[in-house]
Amino acid sequence: MTTIAQDDWSALKRRLELPGGRQFAYVDRGEGPVLLLLHGYSDSSRSFALIAPYLAGYRLIIPDLAGHGASEAGPGATVADFAGDLDCLAGRLALRDVVVIGHSMGAMTAIALAGRRPDLVRALVLLSGSLKPGLDATNETARAIRALNDPLRPDHPFFDVWHACSRPVDPAFLAQIRKEAAEIPTRTWQAILDGLAATDLGTSARNLRLPVLAIAGREDLLFDAGHRQQLAASLRSVHSITLDGHGHNPHWESPALVAEELRSFLLAEI
């Protein structure tokens, strides 16, 4: 296993131009069956830097979703908009038979992409997923995001809660994750929040006809057991795993364990 130094991650990114001239960044690493890995709200492709070394034998396509990392924000900031960008990326890279792995907002985007392109997506892995995140005006986390102002700093107390983990995580990785999140303008934070507040993927999930692995932490403070139960009840073919002692970011907290579960799923279903 070859680890990836956090200072080297940005140098791995490639770029393409989307229709309209927007710059879109992604990592394309390794060889083998294609895994498309989608990060969560305010993260970047770096979200999968800890787990990537455990996924040797696969080609990892890891984009920065619009408005995150090195990808420019688009005219829309919903999971459907993100799925549209990924559809374009798949066409440019001539991808086929893709397994999509999404974390949090990335899991929602994965469902949206599978609904949009059932011919492209052969299976889903949903990490800390939700069909209806409920980030409306009554939600404490949403209110905290609405209160953010530019310029954001990596040491803002909000990030202590936003990036909280239930198990120890590489501090160099977390420092970079916080730095990148702080670089996102608050107008982008809030545009994405508007999209998530209106998100309801129940119908899309019920229409899926493909294998799904859902992994979540039992101590997830953002998407609790109710979210996990709704997800499992709405999917036709799902294997659900709840990890004790883990929070919202299991692929940061236990990358080897999550990779092992992912590999077992792929061997059994693909």
C-alpha atoms as a PDB file:
ATOM      1  CA  MET A   1       0.000   0.000   0.000  1.00  0.00           C
ATOM      2  CA  THR A   2       1.376   3.416  -0.999  1.00  0.00           C
ATOM      3  CA  THR A   3       0.175   6.302   1.147  1.00  0.00           C
ATOM      4  CA  ILE A   4      -0.427   9.742  -0.342  1.00  0.00           C
ATOM      5  CA  ALA A   5       1.204  12.753   1.307  1.00  0.00           C
ATOM      6  CA  GLN A   6      -1.385  15.460   1.950  1.00  0.00           C
ATOM      7  CA  ASP A   7       0.857  18.115   0.385  1.00  0.00           C
ATOM      8  CA  ASP A   8       0.906  16.074  -2.833  1.00  0.00           C
ATOM      9  CA  TRP A   9      -2.850  15.671  -3.297  1.00  0.00           C
ATOM     10  CA  SER A  10      -3.494  18.865  -5.273  1.00  0.00           C
ATOM     11  CA  ALA A  11      -0.753  17.956  -7.742  1.00  0.00           C
ATOM     12  CA  LEU A  12      -2.692  14.798  -8.679  1.00  0.00           C
ATOM     13  CA  LYS A  13      -5.603  16.821 -10.091  1.00  0.00           C
ATOM     14  CA  ARG A  14      -6.382  17.061 -13.772  1.00  0.00           C
ATOM     15  CA  ARG A  15      -8.689  19.633 -15.302  1.00  0.00           C
ATOM     16  CA  LEU A  16     -11.202  19.853 -18.099  1.00  0.00           C
ATOM     17  CA  GLU A  17     -13.511  22.568 -19.325  1.00  0.00           C
ATOM     18  CA  LEU A  18     -17.243  22.003 -18.995  1.00  0.00           C
ATOM     19  CA  PRO A  19     -19.801  23.530 -21.370  1.00  0.00           C
ATOM     20  CA  GLY A  20     -19.921  27.239 -20.636  1.00  0.00           C
ATOM     21  CA  GLY A  21     -16.210  27.378 -19.885  1.00  0.00           C
ATOM     22  CA  ARG A  22     -16.197  26.241 -16.240  1.00  0.00           C
ATOM     23  CA  GLN A  23     -13.041  24.545 -14.981  1.00  0.00           C
ATOM     24  CA  PHE A  24     -13.645  21.121 -13.456  1.00  0.00           C
ATOM     25  CA  ALA A  25     -10.952  19.278 -11.498  1.00  0.00           C
ATOM     26  CA  TYR A  26     -10.607  15.570 -10.822  1.00  0.00           C
ATOM     27  CA  VAL A  27      -8.109  12.898  -9.847  1.00  0.00           C
ATOM     28  CA  ASP A  28      -7.682   9.893 -12.160  1.00  0.00           C
ATOM     29  CA  ARG A  29      -5.565   7.287 -10.393  1.00  0.00           C
ATOM     30  CA  GLY A  30      -4.855   3.585 -10.873  1.00  0.00           C
ATOM     31  CA  GLU A  31      -6.063   0.924 -13.290  1.00  0.00           C
ATOM     32  CA  GLY A  32      -8.908  -1.577 -13.304  1.00  0.00           C
ATOM     33  CA  PRO A  33     -12.696  -1.376 -12.920  1.00  0.00           C
ATOM     34  CA  VAL A  34     -13.818   2.215 -12.488  1.00  0.00           C
ATOM     35  CA  LEU A  35     -14.859   3.607  -9.118  1.00  0.00           C
ATOM     36  CA  LEU A  36     -16.275   7.144  -9.182  1.00  0.00           C
ATOM     37  CA  LEU A  37     -15.868   8.639  -5.701  1.00  0.00           C
ATOM     38  CA  LEU A  38     -17.973  11.663  -4.713  1.00  0.00           C
ATOM     39  CA  HIS A  39     -17.171  13.777  -1.676  1.00  0.00           C
ATOM     40  CA  GLY A  40     -19.508  15.535   0.720  1.00  0.00           C
ATOM     41  CA  TYR A  41     -20.569  19.133   1.326  1.00  0.00           C
ATOM     42  CA  SER A  42     -17.553  21.495   1.671  1.00  0.00           C
ATOM     43  CA  ASP A  43     -15.003  18.698   1.083  1.00  0.00           C
ATOM     44  CA  SER A  44     -13.069  17.923  -2.099  1.00  0.00           C
ATOM     45  CA  SER A  45     -11.548  14.916  -3.803  1.00  0.00           C
ATOM     46  CA  ARG A  46      -9.114  14.909  -0.863  1.00  0.00           C
ATOM     47  CA  SER A  47     -11.928  13.317   1.177  1.00  0.00           C
ATOM     48  CA  PHE A  48     -10.831   9.977  -0.298  1.00  0.00           C
ATOM     49  CA  ALA A  49      -7.080  10.469   0.145  1.00  0.00           C
ATOM     50  CA  LEU A  50      -6.977   8.180   3.195  1.00  0.00           C
ATOM     51  CA  ILE A  51      -8.941   5.326   1.643  1.00  0.00           C
ATOM     52  CA  ALA A  52      -7.450   5.499  -1.873  1.00  0.00           C
ATOM     53  CA  PRO A  53      -4.318   3.468  -1.016  1.00  0.00           C
ATOM     54  CA  TYR A  54      -6.555   0.580   0.110  1.00  0.00           C
ATOM     55  CA  LEU A  55      -8.307   0.469  -3.281  1.00  0.00           C
ATOM     56  CA  ALA A  56      -5.424  -0.761  -5.431  1.00  0.00           C
ATOM     57  CA  GLY A  57      -6.617  -2.689  -8.467  1.00  0.00           C
ATOM     58  CA  TYR A  58      -9.292  -0.126  -9.338  1.00  0.00           C
ATOM     59  CA  ARG A  59      -9.256   3.022 -11.419  1.00  0.00           C
ATOM     60  CA  LEU A  60     -10.306   5.821  -9.089  1.00  0.00           C
ATOM     61  CA  ILE A  61     -12.004   8.851 -10.636  1.00  0.00           C
ATOM     62  CA  ILE A  62     -12.351  11.414  -7.828  1.00  0.00           C
ATOM     63  CA  PRO A  63     -13.754  14.816  -8.812  1.00  0.00           C
ATOM     64  CA  ASP A  64     -13.973  18.094  -6.982  1.00  0.00           C
ATOM     65  CA  LEU A  65     -17.698  18.819  -7.266  1.00  0.00           C
ATOM     66  CA  ALA A  66     -18.656  22.284  -8.521  1.00  0.00           C
ATOM     67  CA  GLY A  67     -17.729  25.032  -6.065  1.00  0.00           C
ATOM     68  CA  HIS A  68     -15.375  22.751  -4.131  1.00  0.00           C
ATOM     69  CA  GLY A  69     -11.617  22.309  -4.303  1.00  0.00           C
ATOM     70  CA  ALA A  70     -10.311  23.385  -7.713  1.00  0.00           C
ATOM     71  CA  SER A  71     -13.674  23.170  -9.538  1.00  0.00           C
ATOM     72  CA  GLU A  72     -15.490  26.398 -10.274  1.00  0.00           C
ATOM     73  CA  ALA A  73     -19.031  26.899  -9.020  1.00  0.00           C
ATOM     74  CA  GLY A  74     -21.792  26.431 -11.558  1.00  0.00           C
ATOM     75  CA  PRO A  75     -25.059  28.255 -12.147  1.00  0.00           C
ATOM     76  CA  GLY A  76     -26.850  25.700  -9.954  1.00  0.00           C
ATOM     77  CA  ALA A  77     -25.819  23.942  -6.759  1.00  0.00           C
ATOM     78  CA  THR A  78     -28.239  21.026  -6.367  1.00  0.00           C
ATOM     79  CA  VAL A  79     -27.382  17.341  -6.434  1.00  0.00           C
ATOM     80  CA  ALA A  80     -29.020  17.230  -9.870  1.00  0.00           C
ATOM     81  CA  ASP A  81     -26.620  19.950 -11.040  1.00  0.00           C
ATOM     82  CA  PHE A  82     -23.656  18.019  -9.679  1.00  0.00           C
ATOM     83  CA  ALA A  83     -24.930  14.865 -11.414  1.00  0.00           C
ATOM     84  CA  GLY A  84     -25.102  16.790 -14.695  1.00  0.00           C
ATOM     85  CA  ASP A  85     -21.423  17.734 -14.396  1.00  0.00           C
ATOM     86  CA  LEU A  86     -20.532  14.100 -13.681  1.00  0.00           C
ATOM     87  CA  ASP A  87     -22.509  12.969 -16.716  1.00  0.00           C
ATOM     88  CA  CYS A  88     -20.317  15.300 -18.777  1.00  0.00           C
ATOM     89  CA  LEU A  89     -17.153  14.006 -17.094  1.00  0.00           C
ATOM     90  CA  ALA A  90     -18.175  10.401 -17.816  1.00  0.00           C
ATOM     91  CA  GLY A  91     -18.677  11.272 -21.468  1.00  0.00           C
ATOM     92  CA  ARG A  92     -15.319  13.022 -21.772  1.00  0.00           C
ATOM     93  CA  LEU A  93     -13.505  10.081 -20.161  1.00  0.00           C
ATOM     94  CA  ALA A  94     -15.591   7.466 -22.023  1.00  0.00           C
ATOM     95  CA  LEU A  95     -16.528   5.748 -18.761  1.00  0.00           C
ATOM     96  CA  ARG A  96     -18.734   2.647 -18.668  1.00  0.00           C
ATOM     97  CA  ASP A  97     -19.975   0.242 -15.991  1.00  0.00           C
ATOM     98  CA  VAL A  98     -19.085   2.583 -13.150  1.00  0.00           C
ATOM     99  CA  VAL A  99     -19.482   1.879  -9.442  1.00  0.00           C
ATOM    100  CA  VAL A 100     -20.289   5.176  -7.743  1.00  0.00           C
ATOM    101  CA  ILE A 101     -19.181   5.692  -4.133  1.00  0.00           C
ATOM    102  CA  GLY A 102     -20.587   8.789  -2.473  1.00  0.00           C
ATOM    103  CA  HIS A 103     -20.211  10.286   0.979  1.00  0.00           C
ATOM    104  CA  SER A 104     -23.033  12.356   2.513  1.00  0.00           C
ATOM    105  CA  MET A 105     -23.949  14.929  -0.169  1.00  0.00           C
ATOM    106  CA  GLY A 106     -21.898  12.783  -2.534  1.00  0.00           C
ATOM    107  CA  ALA A 107     -24.159   9.828  -1.708  1.00  0.00           C
ATOM    108  CA  MET A 108     -27.178  11.942  -2.670  1.00  0.00           C
ATOM    109  CA  THR A 109     -25.412  12.956  -5.883  1.00  0.00           C
ATOM    110  CA  ALA A 110     -24.673   9.279  -6.576  1.00  0.00           C
ATOM    111  CA  ILE A 111     -28.391   8.461  -6.365  1.00  0.00           C
ATOM    112  CA  ALA A 112     -29.195  11.380  -8.667  1.00  0.00           C
ATOM    113  CA  LEU A 113     -26.558  10.247 -11.180  1.00  0.00           C
ATOM    114  CA  ALA A 114     -27.821   6.636 -11.120  1.00  0.00           C
ATOM    115  CA  GLY A 115     -31.336   7.886 -11.819  1.00  0.00           C
ATOM    116  CA  ARG A 116     -30.090  10.083 -14.650  1.00  0.00           C
ATOM    117  CA  ARG A 117     -27.735   7.485 -16.195  1.00  0.00           C
ATOM    118  CA  PRO A 118     -28.821   3.933 -15.317  1.00  0.00           C
ATOM    119  CA  ASP A 119     -26.826   2.751 -18.337  1.00  0.00           C
ATOM    120  CA  LEU A 120     -23.630   4.153 -16.789  1.00  0.00           C
ATOM    121  CA  VAL A 121     -23.926   3.189 -13.105  1.00  0.00           C
ATOM    122  CA  ARG A 122     -23.785  -0.505 -12.224  1.00  0.00           C
ATOM    123  CA  ALA A 123     -23.773  -0.253  -8.406  1.00  0.00           C
ATOM    124  CA  LEU A 124     -23.759   2.289  -5.585  1.00  0.00           C
ATOM    125  CA  VAL A 125     -21.894   2.548  -2.302  1.00  0.00           C
ATOM    126  CA  LEU A 126     -23.482   5.140  -0.022  1.00  0.00           C
ATOM    127  CA  LEU A 127     -21.429   6.372   2.932  1.00  0.00           C
ATOM    128  CA  SER A 128     -23.458   8.290   5.533  1.00  0.00           C
ATOM    129  CA  GLY A 129     -26.252   8.785   3.042  1.00  0.00           C
ATOM    130  CA  SER A 130     -29.672  10.374   3.293  1.00  0.00           C
ATOM    131  CA  LEU A 131     -32.625  10.743   0.971  1.00  0.00           C
ATOM    132  CA  LYS A 132     -33.955  13.878   2.623  1.00  0.00           C
ATOM    133  CA  PRO A 133     -31.249  15.676   4.612  1.00  0.00           C
ATOM    134  CA  GLY A 134     -33.689  18.069   6.244  1.00  0.00           C
ATOM    135  CA  LEU A 135     -31.271  21.000   6.319  1.00  0.00           C
ATOM    136  CA  ASP A 136     -34.017  23.592   6.528  1.00  0.00           C
ATOM    137  CA  ALA A 137     -34.473  26.605   8.801  1.00  0.00           C
ATOM    138  CA  THR A 138     -35.364  24.392  11.765  1.00  0.00           C
ATOM    139  CA  ASN A 139     -32.076  22.478  11.622  1.00  0.00           C
ATOM    140  CA  GLU A 140     -29.309  23.596  13.989  1.00  0.00           C
ATOM    141  CA  THR A 141     -26.518  22.806  11.524  1.00  0.00           C
ATOM    142  CA  ALA A 142     -28.284  24.728   8.761  1.00  0.00           C
ATOM    143  CA  ARG A 143     -28.679  27.737  11.039  1.00  0.00           C
ATOM    144  CA  ALA A 144     -24.960  27.647  11.813  1.00  0.00           C
ATOM    145  CA  ILE A 145     -24.143  27.619   8.094  1.00  0.00           C
ATOM    146  CA  ARG A 146     -26.487  30.549   7.470  1.00  0.00           C
ATOM    147  CA  ALA A 147     -24.596  32.502  10.133  1.00  0.00           C
ATOM    148  CA  LEU A 148     -21.188  32.099   8.431  1.00  0.00           C
ATOM    149  CA  ASN A 149     -19.556  35.239   7.036  1.00  0.00           C
ATOM    150  CA  ASP A 150     -16.563  35.902   4.813  1.00  0.00           C
ATOM    151  CA  PRO A 151     -13.710  35.646   5.266  1.00  0.00           C
ATOM    152  CA  LEU A 152     -13.839  32.181   6.783  1.00  0.00           C
ATOM    153  CA  ARG A 153     -10.799  30.964   8.676  1.00  0.00           C
ATOM    154  CA  PRO A 154      -9.757  27.339   9.211  1.00  0.00           C
ATOM    155  CA  ASP A 155      -9.815  27.912  12.978  1.00  0.00           C
ATOM    156  CA  HIS A 156     -13.471  29.008  12.965  1.00  0.00           C
ATOM    157  CA  PRO A 157     -15.262  27.115  15.793  1.00  0.00           C
ATOM    158  CA  PHE A 158     -17.892  25.911  13.317  1.00  0.00           C
ATOM    159  CA  PHE A 159     -15.369  23.535  11.775  1.00  0.00           C
ATOM    160  CA  ASP A 160     -14.750  21.857  15.146  1.00  0.00           C
ATOM    161  CA  VAL A 161     -18.309  20.551  14.959  1.00  0.00           C
ATOM    162  CA  TRP A 162     -18.581  20.250  11.174  1.00  0.00           C
ATOM    163  CA  HIS A 163     -15.519  17.992  10.909  1.00  0.00           C
ATOM    164  CA  ALA A 164     -15.980  16.179  14.217  1.00  0.00           C
ATOM    165  CA  CYS A 165     -15.051  12.495  14.130  1.00  0.00           C
ATOM    166  CA  SER A 166     -15.715   9.695  16.598  1.00  0.00           C
ATOM    167  CA  ARG A 167     -12.277   8.139  16.117  1.00  0.00           C
ATOM    168  CA  PRO A 168      -8.805   9.657  15.678  1.00  0.00           C
ATOM    169  CA  VAL A 169      -8.065  10.925  12.158  1.00  0.00           C
ATOM    170  CA  ASP A 170      -4.745  11.996  10.627  1.00  0.00           C
ATOM    171  CA  PRO A 171      -4.302  15.623  11.798  1.00  0.00           C
ATOM    172  CA  ALA A 172      -2.471  16.663   8.596  1.00  0.00           C
ATOM    173  CA  PHE A 173      -5.455  15.443   6.574  1.00  0.00           C
ATOM    174  CA  LEU A 174      -7.967  17.256   8.790  1.00  0.00           C
ATOM    175  CA  ALA A 175      -5.945  20.479   8.615  1.00  0.00           C
ATOM    176  CA  GLN A 176      -6.132  20.432   4.819  1.00  0.00           C
ATOM    177  CA  ILE A 177      -9.842  19.569   4.857  1.00  0.00           C
ATOM    178  CA  ARG A 178     -10.526  22.560   7.124  1.00  0.00           C
ATOM    179  CA  LYS A 179      -8.367  24.862   4.998  1.00  0.00           C
ATOM    180  CA  GLU A 180     -10.202  23.918   1.810  1.00  0.00           C
ATOM    181  CA  ALA A 181     -13.608  24.294   3.461  1.00  0.00           C
ATOM    182  CA  ALA A 182     -12.659  27.760   4.697  1.00  0.00           C
ATOM    183  CA  GLU A 183     -11.692  28.774   1.151  1.00  0.00           C
ATOM    184  CA  ILE A 184     -15.259  28.233  -0.103  1.00  0.00           C
ATOM    185  CA  PRO A 185     -17.131  31.561  -0.223  1.00  0.00           C
ATOM    186  CA  THR A 186     -20.116  31.693   2.091  1.00  0.00           C
ATOM    187  CA  ARG A 187     -22.384  32.452  -0.882  1.00  0.00           C
ATOM    188  CA  THR A 188     -21.417  29.015  -2.243  1.00  0.00           C
ATOM    189  CA  TRP A 189     -21.958  27.365   1.145  1.00  0.00           C
ATOM    190  CA  GLN A 190     -25.435  28.849   1.274  1.00  0.00           C
ATOM    191  CA  ALA A 191     -26.333  28.096  -2.355  1.00  0.00           C
ATOM    192  CA  ILE A 192     -25.539  24.435  -1.725  1.00  0.00           C
ATOM    193  CA  LEU A 193     -27.496  24.553   1.515  1.00  0.00           C
ATOM    194  CA  ASP A 194     -30.521  25.878  -0.401  1.00  0.00           C
ATOM    195  CA  GLY A 195     -30.270  22.898  -2.744  1.00  0.00           C
ATOM    196  CA  LEU A 196     -29.949  20.400   0.092  1.00  0.00           C
ATOM    197  CA  ALA A 197     -32.870  21.909   1.987  1.00  0.00           C
ATOM    198  CA  ALA A 198     -35.091  21.126  -1.006  1.00  0.00           C
ATOM    199  CA  THR A 199     -33.647  17.654  -1.671  1.00  0.00           C
ATOM    200  CA  ASP A 200     -35.923  14.617  -1.490  1.00  0.00           C
ATOM    201  CA  LEU A 201     -34.609  11.543  -3.296  1.00  0.00           C
ATOM    202  CA  GLY A 202     -37.280   9.103  -2.141  1.00  0.00           C
ATOM    203  CA  THR A 203     -38.779   8.545  -5.589  1.00  0.00           C
ATOM    204  CA  SER A 204     -35.362   8.297  -7.227  1.00  0.00           C
ATOM    205  CA  ALA A 205     -34.246   5.679  -4.697  1.00  0.00           C
ATOM    206  CA  ARG A 206     -37.375   3.565  -5.144  1.00  0.00           C
ATOM    207  CA  ASN A 207     -36.816   3.520  -8.904  1.00  0.00           C
ATOM    208  CA  LEU A 208     -33.263   2.205  -8.731  1.00  0.00           C
ATOM    209  CA  ARG A 209     -32.622  -1.304 -10.048  1.00  0.00           C
ATOM    210  CA  LEU A 210     -29.041  -1.954  -9.011  1.00  0.00           C
ATOM    211  CA  PRO A 211     -27.087  -3.294  -6.017  1.00  0.00           C
ATOM    212  CA  VAL A 212     -26.426  -0.843  -3.193  1.00  0.00           C
ATOM    213  CA  LEU A 213     -24.125  -0.976  -0.181  1.00  0.00           C
ATOM    214  CA  ALA A 214     -24.975   1.537   2.557  1.00  0.00           C
ATOM    215  CA  ILE A 215     -22.365   2.157   5.265  1.00  0.00           C
ATOM    216  CA  ALA A 216     -22.955   4.525   8.179  1.00  0.00           C
ATOM    217  CA  GLY A 217     -21.614   5.259  11.641  1.00  0.00           C
ATOM    218  CA  ARG A 218     -23.887   4.628  14.591  1.00  0.00           C
ATOM    219  CA  GLU A 219     -22.682   7.906  16.149  1.00  0.00           C
ATOM    220  CA  ASP A 220     -23.429  10.024  13.072  1.00  0.00           C
ATOM    221  CA  LEU A 221     -24.721  13.321  14.486  1.00  0.00           C
ATOM    222  CA  LEU A 222     -25.867  14.713  11.127  1.00  0.00           C
ATOM    223  CA  PHE A 223     -27.821  11.766   9.686  1.00  0.00           C
ATOM    224  CA  ASP A 224     -29.137   9.607  12.505  1.00  0.00           C
ATOM    225  CA  ALA A 225     -30.879   6.228  12.573  1.00  0.00           C
ATOM    226  CA  GLY A 226     -34.022   7.687  11.018  1.00  0.00           C
ATOM    227  CA  HIS A 227     -32.098   8.627   7.880  1.00  0.00           C
ATOM    228  CA  ARG A 228     -30.527   5.165   7.730  1.00  0.00           C
ATOM    229  CA  GLN A 229     -33.902   3.446   8.109  1.00  0.00           C
ATOM    230  CA  GLN A 230     -35.526   5.557   5.410  1.00  0.00           C
ATOM    231  CA  LEU A 231     -32.659   4.817   3.041  1.00  0.00           C
ATOM    232  CA  ALA A 232     -32.838   1.068   3.630  1.00  0.00           C
ATOM    233  CA  ALA A 233     -36.631   1.012   3.277  1.00  0.00           C
ATOM    234  CA  SER A 234     -36.580   2.853  -0.049  1.00  0.00           C
ATOM    235  CA  LEU A 235     -33.959   0.805  -1.896  1.00  0.00           C
ATOM    236  CA  ARG A 236     -34.861  -2.488  -3.564  1.00  0.00           C
ATOM    237  CA  SER A 237     -31.488  -4.196  -3.278  1.00  0.00           C
ATOM    238  CA  VAL A 238     -29.450  -2.841  -0.391  1.00  0.00           C
ATOM    239  CA  HIS A 239     -26.969  -4.281   2.083  1.00  0.00           C
ATOM    240  CA  SER A 240     -26.738  -1.971   5.101  1.00  0.00           C
ATOM    241  CA  ILE A 241     -23.826  -1.840   7.548  1.00  0.00           C
ATOM    242  CA  THR A 242     -23.793   0.316  10.676  1.00  0.00           C
ATOM    243  CA  LEU A 243     -20.377   0.718  12.256  1.00  0.00           C
ATOM    244  CA  ASP A 244     -20.266   1.011  16.047  1.00  0.00           C
ATOM    245  CA  GLY A 245     -18.029   3.784  17.375  1.00  0.00           C
ATOM    246  CA  HIS A 246     -18.034   5.689  14.083  1.00  0.00           C
ATOM    247  CA  GLY A 247     -19.505   9.037  13.146  1.00  0.00           C
ATOM    248  CA  HIS A 248     -20.366  10.827   9.926  1.00  0.00           C
ATOM    249  CA  ASN A 249     -16.998  10.196   8.259  1.00  0.00           C
ATOM    250  CA  PRO A 250     -16.280   6.454   8.481  1.00  0.00           C
ATOM    251  CA  HIS A 251     -13.902   6.496   5.489  1.00  0.00           C
ATOM    252  CA  TRP A 252     -11.723   8.994   7.411  1.00  0.00           C
ATOM    253  CA  GLU A 253     -12.050   7.240  10.743  1.00  0.00           C
ATOM    254  CA  SER A 254     -11.421   3.657   9.530  1.00  0.00           C
ATOM    255  CA  PRO A 255     -10.333   3.728   5.875  1.00  0.00           C
ATOM    256  CA  ALA A 256      -9.010   0.153   5.892  1.00  0.00           C
ATOM    257  CA  LEU A 257     -12.236  -1.222   7.377  1.00  0.00           C
ATOM    258  CA  VAL A 258     -14.471   0.688   4.967  1.00  0.00           C
ATOM    259  CA  ALA A 259     -12.313  -0.390   2.025  1.00  0.00           C
ATOM    260  CA  GLU A 260     -12.589  -4.021   3.145  1.00  0.00           C
ATOM    261  CA  GLU A 261     -16.394  -3.804   3.239  1.00  0.00           C
ATOM    262  CA  LEU A 262     -16.396  -2.086  -0.133  1.00  0.00           C
ATOM    263  CA  ARG A 263     -14.172  -4.740  -1.703  1.00  0.00           C
ATOM    264  CA  SER A 264     -16.314  -7.551  -0.326  1.00  0.00           C
ATOM    265  CA  PHE A 265     -19.411  -5.936  -1.797  1.00  0.00           C
ATOM    266  CA  LEU A 266     -17.785  -5.498  -5.191  1.00  0.00           C
ATOM    267  CA  LEU A 267     -16.598  -9.116  -5.276  1.00  0.00           C
ATOM    268  CA  ALA A 268     -20.053 -10.382  -4.370  1.00  0.00           C
ATOM    269  CA  GLU A 269     -22.172  -8.123  -6.572  1.00  0.00           C
ATOM    270  CA  ILE A 270     -20.113  -7.003  -9.544  1.00  0.00           C
END
